[in-house]
Protein backbone atom coordinates (compact mmCIF):
# COMPACT_ATOMS: atom_id res chain seq x y z
CA MET A 1 -22.13 9.05 -19.86
CA GLY A 2 -18.55 9.16 -18.60
CA VAL A 3 -17.27 7.42 -15.48
CA PRO A 4 -16.20 9.88 -12.74
CA PHE A 5 -12.95 9.34 -10.88
CA VAL A 6 -10.85 11.08 -8.26
CA GLN A 7 -7.11 10.94 -7.71
CA ILE A 8 -6.05 10.91 -4.08
CA ASP A 9 -2.68 11.09 -2.36
CA ALA A 10 -2.78 8.50 0.43
CA PHE A 11 -0.77 8.25 3.65
CA THR A 12 -0.12 12.00 3.67
CA ASP A 13 -1.92 15.15 4.75
CA VAL A 14 -0.35 17.39 2.09
CA PRO A 15 -0.78 17.26 -1.70
CA PHE A 16 1.87 15.73 -3.96
CA ALA A 17 3.28 13.43 -1.31
CA GLY A 18 2.30 9.95 -0.16
CA ASN A 19 1.05 7.49 -2.77
CA PRO A 20 -1.42 8.58 -5.47
CA ALA A 21 -4.31 6.29 -6.37
CA ALA A 22 -7.21 6.75 -8.76
CA VAL A 23 -10.66 5.73 -7.49
CA CYS A 24 -13.62 4.97 -9.78
CA VAL A 25 -17.09 4.44 -8.30
CA LEU A 26 -19.04 2.30 -10.79
CA ASP A 27 -22.81 2.25 -11.20
CA GLU A 28 -22.77 -0.94 -13.29
CA PRO A 29 -20.55 -4.02 -13.56
CA ARG A 30 -17.43 -3.72 -15.70
CA GLU A 31 -15.19 -6.40 -17.18
CA ALA A 32 -11.72 -6.93 -15.73
CA VAL A 33 -10.22 -6.15 -19.15
CA TRP A 34 -11.81 -2.69 -19.06
CA MET A 35 -10.56 -2.05 -15.51
CA GLN A 36 -7.06 -3.11 -16.50
CA ASP A 37 -7.18 -0.75 -19.49
CA VAL A 38 -8.23 2.12 -17.23
CA ALA A 39 -5.44 1.33 -14.75
CA ARG A 40 -2.93 1.30 -17.59
CA GLU A 41 -4.26 4.66 -18.77
CA MET A 42 -4.04 6.13 -15.26
CA ASN A 43 -0.47 4.79 -14.98
CA LEU A 44 -0.46 4.98 -11.19
CA SER A 45 0.73 2.23 -8.88
CA GLU A 46 -2.94 1.34 -8.25
CA THR A 47 -6.38 2.22 -9.52
CA ALA A 48 -9.34 1.18 -7.35
CA PHE A 49 -12.80 0.25 -8.60
CA LEU A 50 -15.78 0.37 -6.25
CA ARG A 51 -19.33 -0.85 -6.68
CA ARG A 52 -22.05 -0.67 -4.06
CA ARG A 53 -23.59 -3.87 -2.73
CA GLU A 54 -26.13 -4.51 0.03
CA ASP A 55 -23.52 -5.34 2.66
CA GLY A 56 -20.93 -2.72 1.74
CA TRP A 57 -18.72 -2.13 -1.29
CA ALA A 58 -17.04 -4.45 -3.75
CA LEU A 59 -13.46 -3.28 -4.23
CA ARG A 60 -10.81 -4.33 -6.76
CA TRP A 61 -7.31 -2.96 -7.33
CA PHE A 62 -5.22 -2.89 -10.52
CA THR A 63 -1.65 -1.83 -11.19
CA PRO A 64 -0.86 -0.78 -14.78
CA THR A 65 -0.14 -4.46 -15.55
CA VAL A 66 -2.00 -6.78 -13.12
CA GLU A 67 -4.86 -7.10 -10.65
CA VAL A 68 -3.59 -7.45 -7.06
CA ASP A 69 -4.97 -9.28 -4.03
CA LEU A 70 -4.41 -6.54 -1.44
CA CYS A 71 -3.64 -2.82 -1.55
CA GLY A 72 -3.51 -0.49 1.42
CA HIS A 73 -3.10 2.96 -0.09
CA ALA A 74 -5.86 2.50 -2.69
CA THR A 75 -8.20 1.24 0.07
CA LEU A 76 -7.40 4.31 2.14
CA ALA A 77 -8.02 6.43 -0.97
CA SER A 78 -11.31 4.61 -1.62
CA ALA A 79 -12.58 5.34 1.90
CA HIS A 80 -11.52 8.98 1.62
CA ALA A 81 -13.23 9.25 -1.78
CA LEU A 82 -16.55 7.82 -0.60
CA TRP A 83 -16.65 10.13 2.42
CA SER A 84 -15.30 13.32 0.85
CA GLU A 85 -17.45 13.02 -2.30
CA GLY A 86 -20.58 12.48 -0.21
CA VAL A 87 -21.25 8.97 -1.53
CA ALA A 88 -21.17 7.31 1.90
CA ASP A 89 -20.82 8.12 5.57
CA GLY A 90 -19.91 6.18 8.69
CA PRO A 91 -17.75 3.03 8.88
CA LEU A 92 -17.23 1.14 5.62
CA THR A 93 -16.85 -2.52 4.69
CA PHE A 94 -14.98 -3.44 1.52
CA HIS A 95 -15.34 -6.92 0.00
CA THR A 96 -12.13 -7.91 -1.74
CA ARG A 97 -9.97 -10.83 -2.85
CA SER A 98 -8.48 -10.73 0.65
CA GLY A 99 -11.83 -10.88 2.43
CA ALA A 100 -13.73 -8.13 4.21
CA LEU A 101 -11.71 -5.00 5.06
CA GLY A 102 -12.98 -2.22 7.31
CA ALA A 103 -12.43 1.54 7.34
CA GLU A 104 -13.41 4.18 9.88
CA VAL A 105 -12.28 7.61 11.06
CA ARG A 106 -10.88 8.11 14.56
CA ASP A 107 -9.15 11.25 15.84
CA GLY A 108 -8.73 12.63 12.33
CA TRP A 109 -7.05 9.48 10.98
CA ILE A 110 -8.50 6.87 8.64
CA TRP A 111 -8.02 3.42 10.18
CA LEU A 112 -8.12 0.31 8.00
CA ASP A 113 -8.73 -3.21 9.35
CA PHE A 114 -6.44 -5.54 7.37
CA PRO A 115 -5.14 -9.11 7.71
CA ALA A 116 -1.81 -9.39 9.50
CA GLN A 117 0.94 -11.04 7.45
CA PRO A 118 3.92 -11.52 9.79
CA PRO A 119 7.00 -12.59 7.86
CA GLU A 120 8.58 -15.96 8.48
CA PRO A 121 12.38 -16.12 8.48
CA VAL A 122 13.90 -17.49 5.29
CA GLU A 123 17.32 -17.29 3.74
CA ALA A 124 17.66 -14.37 1.36
CA PRO A 125 17.56 -15.48 -2.30
CA SER A 126 20.83 -15.75 -4.11
CA GLY A 127 21.72 -12.41 -5.64
CA LEU A 128 19.31 -10.32 -3.53
CA ALA A 129 22.05 -8.49 -1.63
CA ASP A 130 23.83 -7.63 -4.89
CA ALA A 131 20.55 -6.48 -6.47
CA LEU A 132 19.81 -4.23 -3.50
CA GLY A 133 23.36 -3.05 -3.01
CA ALA A 134 23.05 -3.77 0.73
CA GLU A 135 23.65 -6.76 2.98
CA PRO A 136 20.61 -8.08 4.90
CA ILE A 137 20.95 -8.60 8.64
CA TRP A 138 17.60 -10.48 8.62
CA SER A 139 15.40 -11.80 5.84
CA GLY A 140 11.92 -13.30 5.76
CA ARG A 141 8.96 -13.96 3.54
CA ALA A 142 5.37 -12.68 3.79
CA ASP A 143 2.42 -12.74 1.41
CA ALA A 144 3.50 -9.36 0.04
CA GLY A 145 7.03 -10.56 -0.72
CA PHE A 146 10.48 -10.66 0.87
CA VAL A 147 11.20 -8.60 3.98
CA VAL A 148 14.81 -7.56 4.43
CA GLU A 149 16.18 -5.69 7.44
CA VAL A 150 19.39 -3.77 6.83
CA ALA A 151 21.82 -2.10 9.19
CA ASP A 152 20.31 1.37 9.58
CA GLU A 153 18.01 4.04 8.22
CA ARG A 154 20.79 5.64 6.18
CA THR A 155 21.22 2.38 4.26
CA VAL A 156 17.47 2.23 3.48
CA ARG A 157 17.40 5.79 2.20
CA ALA A 158 20.53 5.40 0.07
CA LEU A 159 19.42 2.25 -1.80
CA GLU A 160 19.68 2.32 -5.60
CA PRO A 161 18.62 -1.24 -6.52
CA ASP A 162 19.23 -3.03 -9.79
CA MET A 163 15.59 -3.24 -10.92
CA ARG A 164 16.32 -5.73 -13.68
CA ALA A 165 17.82 -8.12 -11.13
CA LEU A 166 14.91 -7.61 -8.72
CA ARG A 167 12.44 -8.29 -11.52
CA GLY A 168 13.93 -11.75 -11.83
CA LEU A 169 12.79 -12.61 -8.29
CA ASP A 170 9.16 -12.54 -9.47
CA THR A 171 7.97 -10.96 -6.20
CA SER A 172 8.23 -7.76 -4.17
CA VAL A 173 10.96 -6.74 -1.75
CA MET A 174 10.45 -4.67 1.42
CA VAL A 175 13.64 -3.19 2.86
CA THR A 176 13.45 -1.85 6.40
CA ALA A 177 15.48 -0.62 9.38
CA ALA A 178 14.89 0.91 12.78
CA ALA A 179 14.33 4.66 12.52
CA SER A 180 17.01 7.06 13.70
CA GLU A 181 14.75 10.14 13.61
CA ASP A 182 12.26 11.12 16.30
CA GLY A 183 8.62 10.52 15.44
CA TYR A 184 9.07 7.18 13.67
CA ASP A 185 9.77 3.66 14.88
CA PHE A 186 10.95 2.18 11.58
CA VAL A 187 11.55 3.14 7.98
CA SER A 188 11.07 1.14 4.80
CA ARG A 189 11.07 1.13 1.02
CA PHE A 190 9.11 -1.17 -1.29
CA PHE A 191 10.28 -2.45 -4.69
CA ALA A 192 7.97 -4.37 -7.03
CA PRO A 193 9.36 -4.32 -10.60
CA ALA A 194 7.86 -7.80 -11.17
CA TYR A 195 4.42 -6.12 -10.94
CA GLY A 196 5.23 -3.12 -13.10
CA ILE A 197 6.18 -0.82 -10.18
CA ASP A 198 9.89 -0.22 -9.68
CA GLU A 199 9.34 1.57 -6.35
CA ASP A 200 5.97 2.09 -4.71
CA PRO A 201 5.86 5.44 -2.87
CA VAL A 202 3.91 4.27 0.23
CA THR A 203 2.63 0.71 0.58
CA GLY A 204 -0.09 -0.03 3.10
CA SER A 205 -0.13 -3.78 2.45
CA ALA A 206 3.61 -3.98 3.18
CA HIS A 207 2.87 -2.75 6.68
CA CYS A 208 0.71 -5.84 7.26
CA ALA A 209 4.11 -7.56 7.42
CA LEU A 210 6.31 -4.74 8.70
CA GLY A 211 3.96 -3.89 11.59
CA PRO A 212 3.96 -7.35 13.17
CA TYR A 213 7.70 -7.68 12.51
CA TRP A 214 8.63 -4.45 14.29
CA ALA A 215 6.06 -5.03 17.04
CA ARG A 216 7.96 -8.21 17.91
CA ARG A 217 11.35 -6.54 17.57
CA LEU A 218 10.48 -3.46 19.64
CA GLY A 219 8.03 -5.03 22.07
CA ARG A 220 5.26 -2.51 21.32
CA ASP A 221 1.99 -2.71 19.41
CA ASP A 222 1.43 0.98 18.54
CA LEU A 223 4.00 1.97 15.94
CA THR A 224 4.63 4.62 13.31
CA GLY A 225 6.41 3.78 10.08
CA TYR A 226 7.87 6.14 7.51
CA GLN A 227 8.20 4.91 3.93
CA ALA A 228 11.26 6.74 2.68
CA SER A 229 10.52 7.01 -1.05
CA ALA A 230 10.99 10.26 -2.94
CA ARG A 231 7.37 11.22 -2.10
CA GLY A 232 7.38 9.75 1.43
CA GLY A 233 4.47 8.84 3.66
CA ILE A 234 3.46 7.94 7.21
CA VAL A 235 1.69 4.70 8.16
CA ARG A 236 0.58 4.10 11.73
CA VAL A 237 0.38 0.41 12.66
CA ARG A 238 -1.40 -1.47 15.45
CA PRO A 239 -1.12 -5.28 15.19
CA HIS A 240 -3.83 -7.36 16.90
CA ASP A 241 -3.34 -11.15 16.65
CA GLU A 242 -4.39 -12.05 13.08
CA ARG A 243 -5.38 -8.49 12.10
CA VAL A 244 -3.57 -5.19 11.87
CA GLU A 245 -4.89 -1.64 11.93
CA LEU A 246 -3.28 0.74 9.45
CA GLY A 247 -3.73 4.46 10.07
CA GLY A 248 -3.24 7.21 7.52
CA ARG A 249 -4.50 10.44 6.06
CA ALA A 250 -5.40 11.38 2.49
CA VAL A 251 -5.80 14.39 0.20
CA THR A 252 -7.83 14.69 -3.03
CA THR A 253 -5.78 16.24 -5.85
CA VAL A 254 -7.77 15.57 -9.06
CA ARG A 255 -11.41 15.15 -10.04
CA GLY A 256 -12.20 13.99 -13.56
CA GLU A 257 -14.24 11.81 -15.85
CA LEU A 258 -13.38 8.93 -18.15
CA LEU A 259 -14.87 10.00 -21.46
CA SER A 260 -14.50 6.82 -23.50
CA GLY A 261 -14.49 3.05 -23.13
């Protein structure tokens, strides 16, 4: 028997935008080596693996090269997959390396309950400005990597980083600025060449840091971010003390089956 999977574009309501993730619902335990092989075969920024348990769902995420501790878009895709494929209904609880994560639908949006990761100010690493091709006006560090604010939205959109130099930092870099367009509060891009992803199209986990950061900067706790990659995607953010709600939409684009392994 093959293993069914779906491919879902997350943080978008139209196909071929947002961030694609593959989701596999397993009916038996699988070794991490097998999951890593599947993620490499899928060659997406993340592949999610779900397995039912009495108190919810076990969830793991793999890039093409490593297993990660937290992933927003593949969690959004997992919730969408379970509901749209008729595997589950109602609110969901995912058990992960980062603890229990929740998902529910409200007003047509999928809302995820994630840990907040507000960045702490630190001096930008030597060479980061040259690698980005832009001068930070603020820099900090969060669990997901460095957070760098630059002068304006135009600077964020125009970035053409030196990926080889960024890979040497051995972490991810989130670059952000206040939005200049109506409908968004801030924009960002996310670079993670150290993890096998030069640029991630839309990164939910980054907004665990960006949301609290911009909530402090703007004095509001209901924000909308736009991740300005080539595909682009919208992430709504509501920080609450040590947690943050991430809101997004999702679209199924592929249904298939793993035929070997």
